């Protein structure tokens, strides 16, 4: 028996790497919000502004690539999730709600 989609999605973390005054980032945010509205239980979601102090690692990695969406499985260790450069799946620049949905399902199925 497979877990329900709502239970599966609760094991996924979406992290959007962004910056202020980024038009593509605004579009990406709206796509993630639209994806989450279609779910029976919202997927965990956070944003990281790569220009804020303490985010130098992300600025170095994505300075010219934002927006970048990491889709990760949340480890079942009970520890707080911290994104890494080795995300299970990444979507960059322009992506659709359907591409977010497909990537989330691939990560949940372990096929990414």
Protein backbone atom coordinates (compact mmCIF):
# COMPACT_ATOMS: atom_id res chain seq x y z
CA UNK A 1 0.00 0.00 0.00
CA UNK A 2 1.32 3.45 -0.97
CA UNK A 3 1.09 6.48 1.29
CA UNK A 4 -1.37 9.16 0.26
CA UNK A 5 -0.13 12.00 -1.93
CA UNK A 6 -0.59 14.44 0.95
CA UNK A 7 1.63 12.31 3.16
CA UNK A 8 4.21 11.94 0.41
CA UNK A 9 4.32 15.66 -0.28
CA UNK A 10 4.86 16.42 3.37
CA UNK A 11 8.25 14.71 2.99
CA UNK A 12 9.38 17.24 0.39
CA UNK A 13 11.01 20.64 0.89
CA UNK A 14 10.96 23.34 -1.79
CA UNK A 15 13.63 26.01 -1.41
CA UNK A 16 13.62 28.98 -3.80
CA UNK A 17 16.89 30.88 -4.13
CA UNK A 18 16.08 34.43 -5.12
CA UNK A 19 17.06 38.09 -4.82
CA UNK A 20 15.24 41.42 -4.62
CA UNK A 21 14.22 43.19 -7.83
CA UNK A 22 14.33 39.99 -9.88
CA UNK A 23 11.41 39.68 -12.27
CA UNK A 24 12.05 36.01 -13.01
CA UNK A 25 12.15 35.37 -9.25
CA UNK A 26 8.70 36.94 -8.86
CA UNK A 27 7.34 34.65 -11.58
CA UNK A 28 9.01 31.61 -9.97
CA UNK A 29 7.47 32.48 -6.58
CA UNK A 30 4.03 32.70 -8.14
CA UNK A 31 4.50 29.29 -9.79
CA UNK A 32 5.45 27.67 -6.47
CA UNK A 33 2.48 29.33 -4.72
CA UNK A 34 0.16 28.15 -7.50
CA UNK A 35 1.55 24.60 -7.23
CA UNK A 36 1.03 24.60 -3.46
CA UNK A 37 -2.57 25.85 -3.77
CA UNK A 38 -3.39 22.77 -5.87
CA UNK A 39 -2.19 20.37 -3.16
CA UNK A 40 -4.47 18.90 -0.51
CA UNK A 41 -1.65 19.59 1.97
CA UNK A 42 0.90 22.30 1.13
CA UNK A 43 4.49 21.27 0.52
CA UNK A 44 7.06 22.78 2.88
CA UNK A 45 8.47 25.89 1.21
CA UNK A 46 11.11 28.47 2.04
CA UNK A 47 12.93 31.26 0.26
CA UNK A 48 16.59 32.23 0.49
CA UNK A 49 17.62 35.72 -0.62
CA UNK A 50 21.17 35.08 -1.81
CA UNK A 51 22.13 38.72 -1.22
CA UNK A 52 21.38 38.69 2.51
CA UNK A 53 24.24 38.43 5.00
CA UNK A 54 25.11 34.85 5.84
CA UNK A 55 24.14 33.51 2.42
CA UNK A 56 27.52 33.88 0.70
CA UNK A 57 27.58 30.16 -0.16
CA UNK A 58 24.35 30.58 -2.14
CA UNK A 59 25.48 33.86 -3.74
CA UNK A 60 28.67 32.14 -4.92
CA UNK A 61 26.66 29.26 -6.38
CA UNK A 62 23.69 31.09 -7.89
CA UNK A 63 24.64 34.76 -8.34
CA UNK A 64 23.89 34.68 -12.08
CA UNK A 65 21.33 31.86 -12.04
CA UNK A 66 18.44 32.96 -9.81
CA UNK A 67 15.75 31.88 -9.53
CA UNK A 68 16.73 28.34 -8.59
CA UNK A 69 14.25 25.94 -7.00
CA UNK A 70 15.64 23.03 -4.98
CA UNK A 71 13.31 20.07 -4.51
CA UNK A 72 14.56 17.80 -1.73
CA UNK A 73 13.36 14.86 0.30
CA UNK A 74 13.25 15.71 3.97
CA UNK A 75 15.33 13.20 5.94
CA UNK A 76 13.34 11.24 8.49
CA UNK A 77 15.92 11.88 11.21
CA UNK A 78 13.80 14.53 12.89
CA UNK A 79 16.52 17.16 12.41
CA UNK A 80 15.77 20.53 10.88
CA UNK A 81 16.22 20.46 7.11
CA UNK A 82 19.04 22.53 5.65
CA UNK A 83 19.32 22.79 1.85
CA UNK A 84 22.58 21.79 0.23
CA UNK A 85 24.13 22.19 -3.20
CA UNK A 86 23.37 18.49 -3.77
CA UNK A 87 19.61 18.95 -4.07
CA UNK A 88 17.66 15.94 -5.29
CA UNK A 89 16.30 18.06 -8.15
CA UNK A 90 16.78 21.65 -9.31
CA UNK A 91 14.72 23.85 -11.58
CA UNK A 92 16.38 27.00 -12.83
CA UNK A 93 15.31 30.32 -14.36
CA UNK A 94 11.93 29.66 -16.01
CA UNK A 95 9.69 26.77 -15.03
CA UNK A 96 5.99 25.94 -15.06
CA UNK A 97 3.66 24.68 -12.35
CA UNK A 98 3.58 21.38 -14.23
CA UNK A 99 7.38 21.12 -14.12
CA UNK A 100 7.33 21.74 -10.37
CA UNK A 101 4.68 19.03 -9.96
CA UNK A 102 6.67 16.56 -12.07
CA UNK A 103 9.90 17.26 -10.17
CA UNK A 104 8.21 16.85 -6.77
CA UNK A 105 6.77 13.49 -7.86
CA UNK A 106 10.15 12.33 -9.17
CA UNK A 107 11.84 13.22 -5.90
CA UNK A 108 9.13 11.42 -3.93
CA UNK A 109 9.46 8.35 -6.14
CA UNK A 110 13.23 8.48 -5.78
CA UNK A 111 13.73 8.66 -9.54
CA UNK A 112 15.53 12.00 -9.79
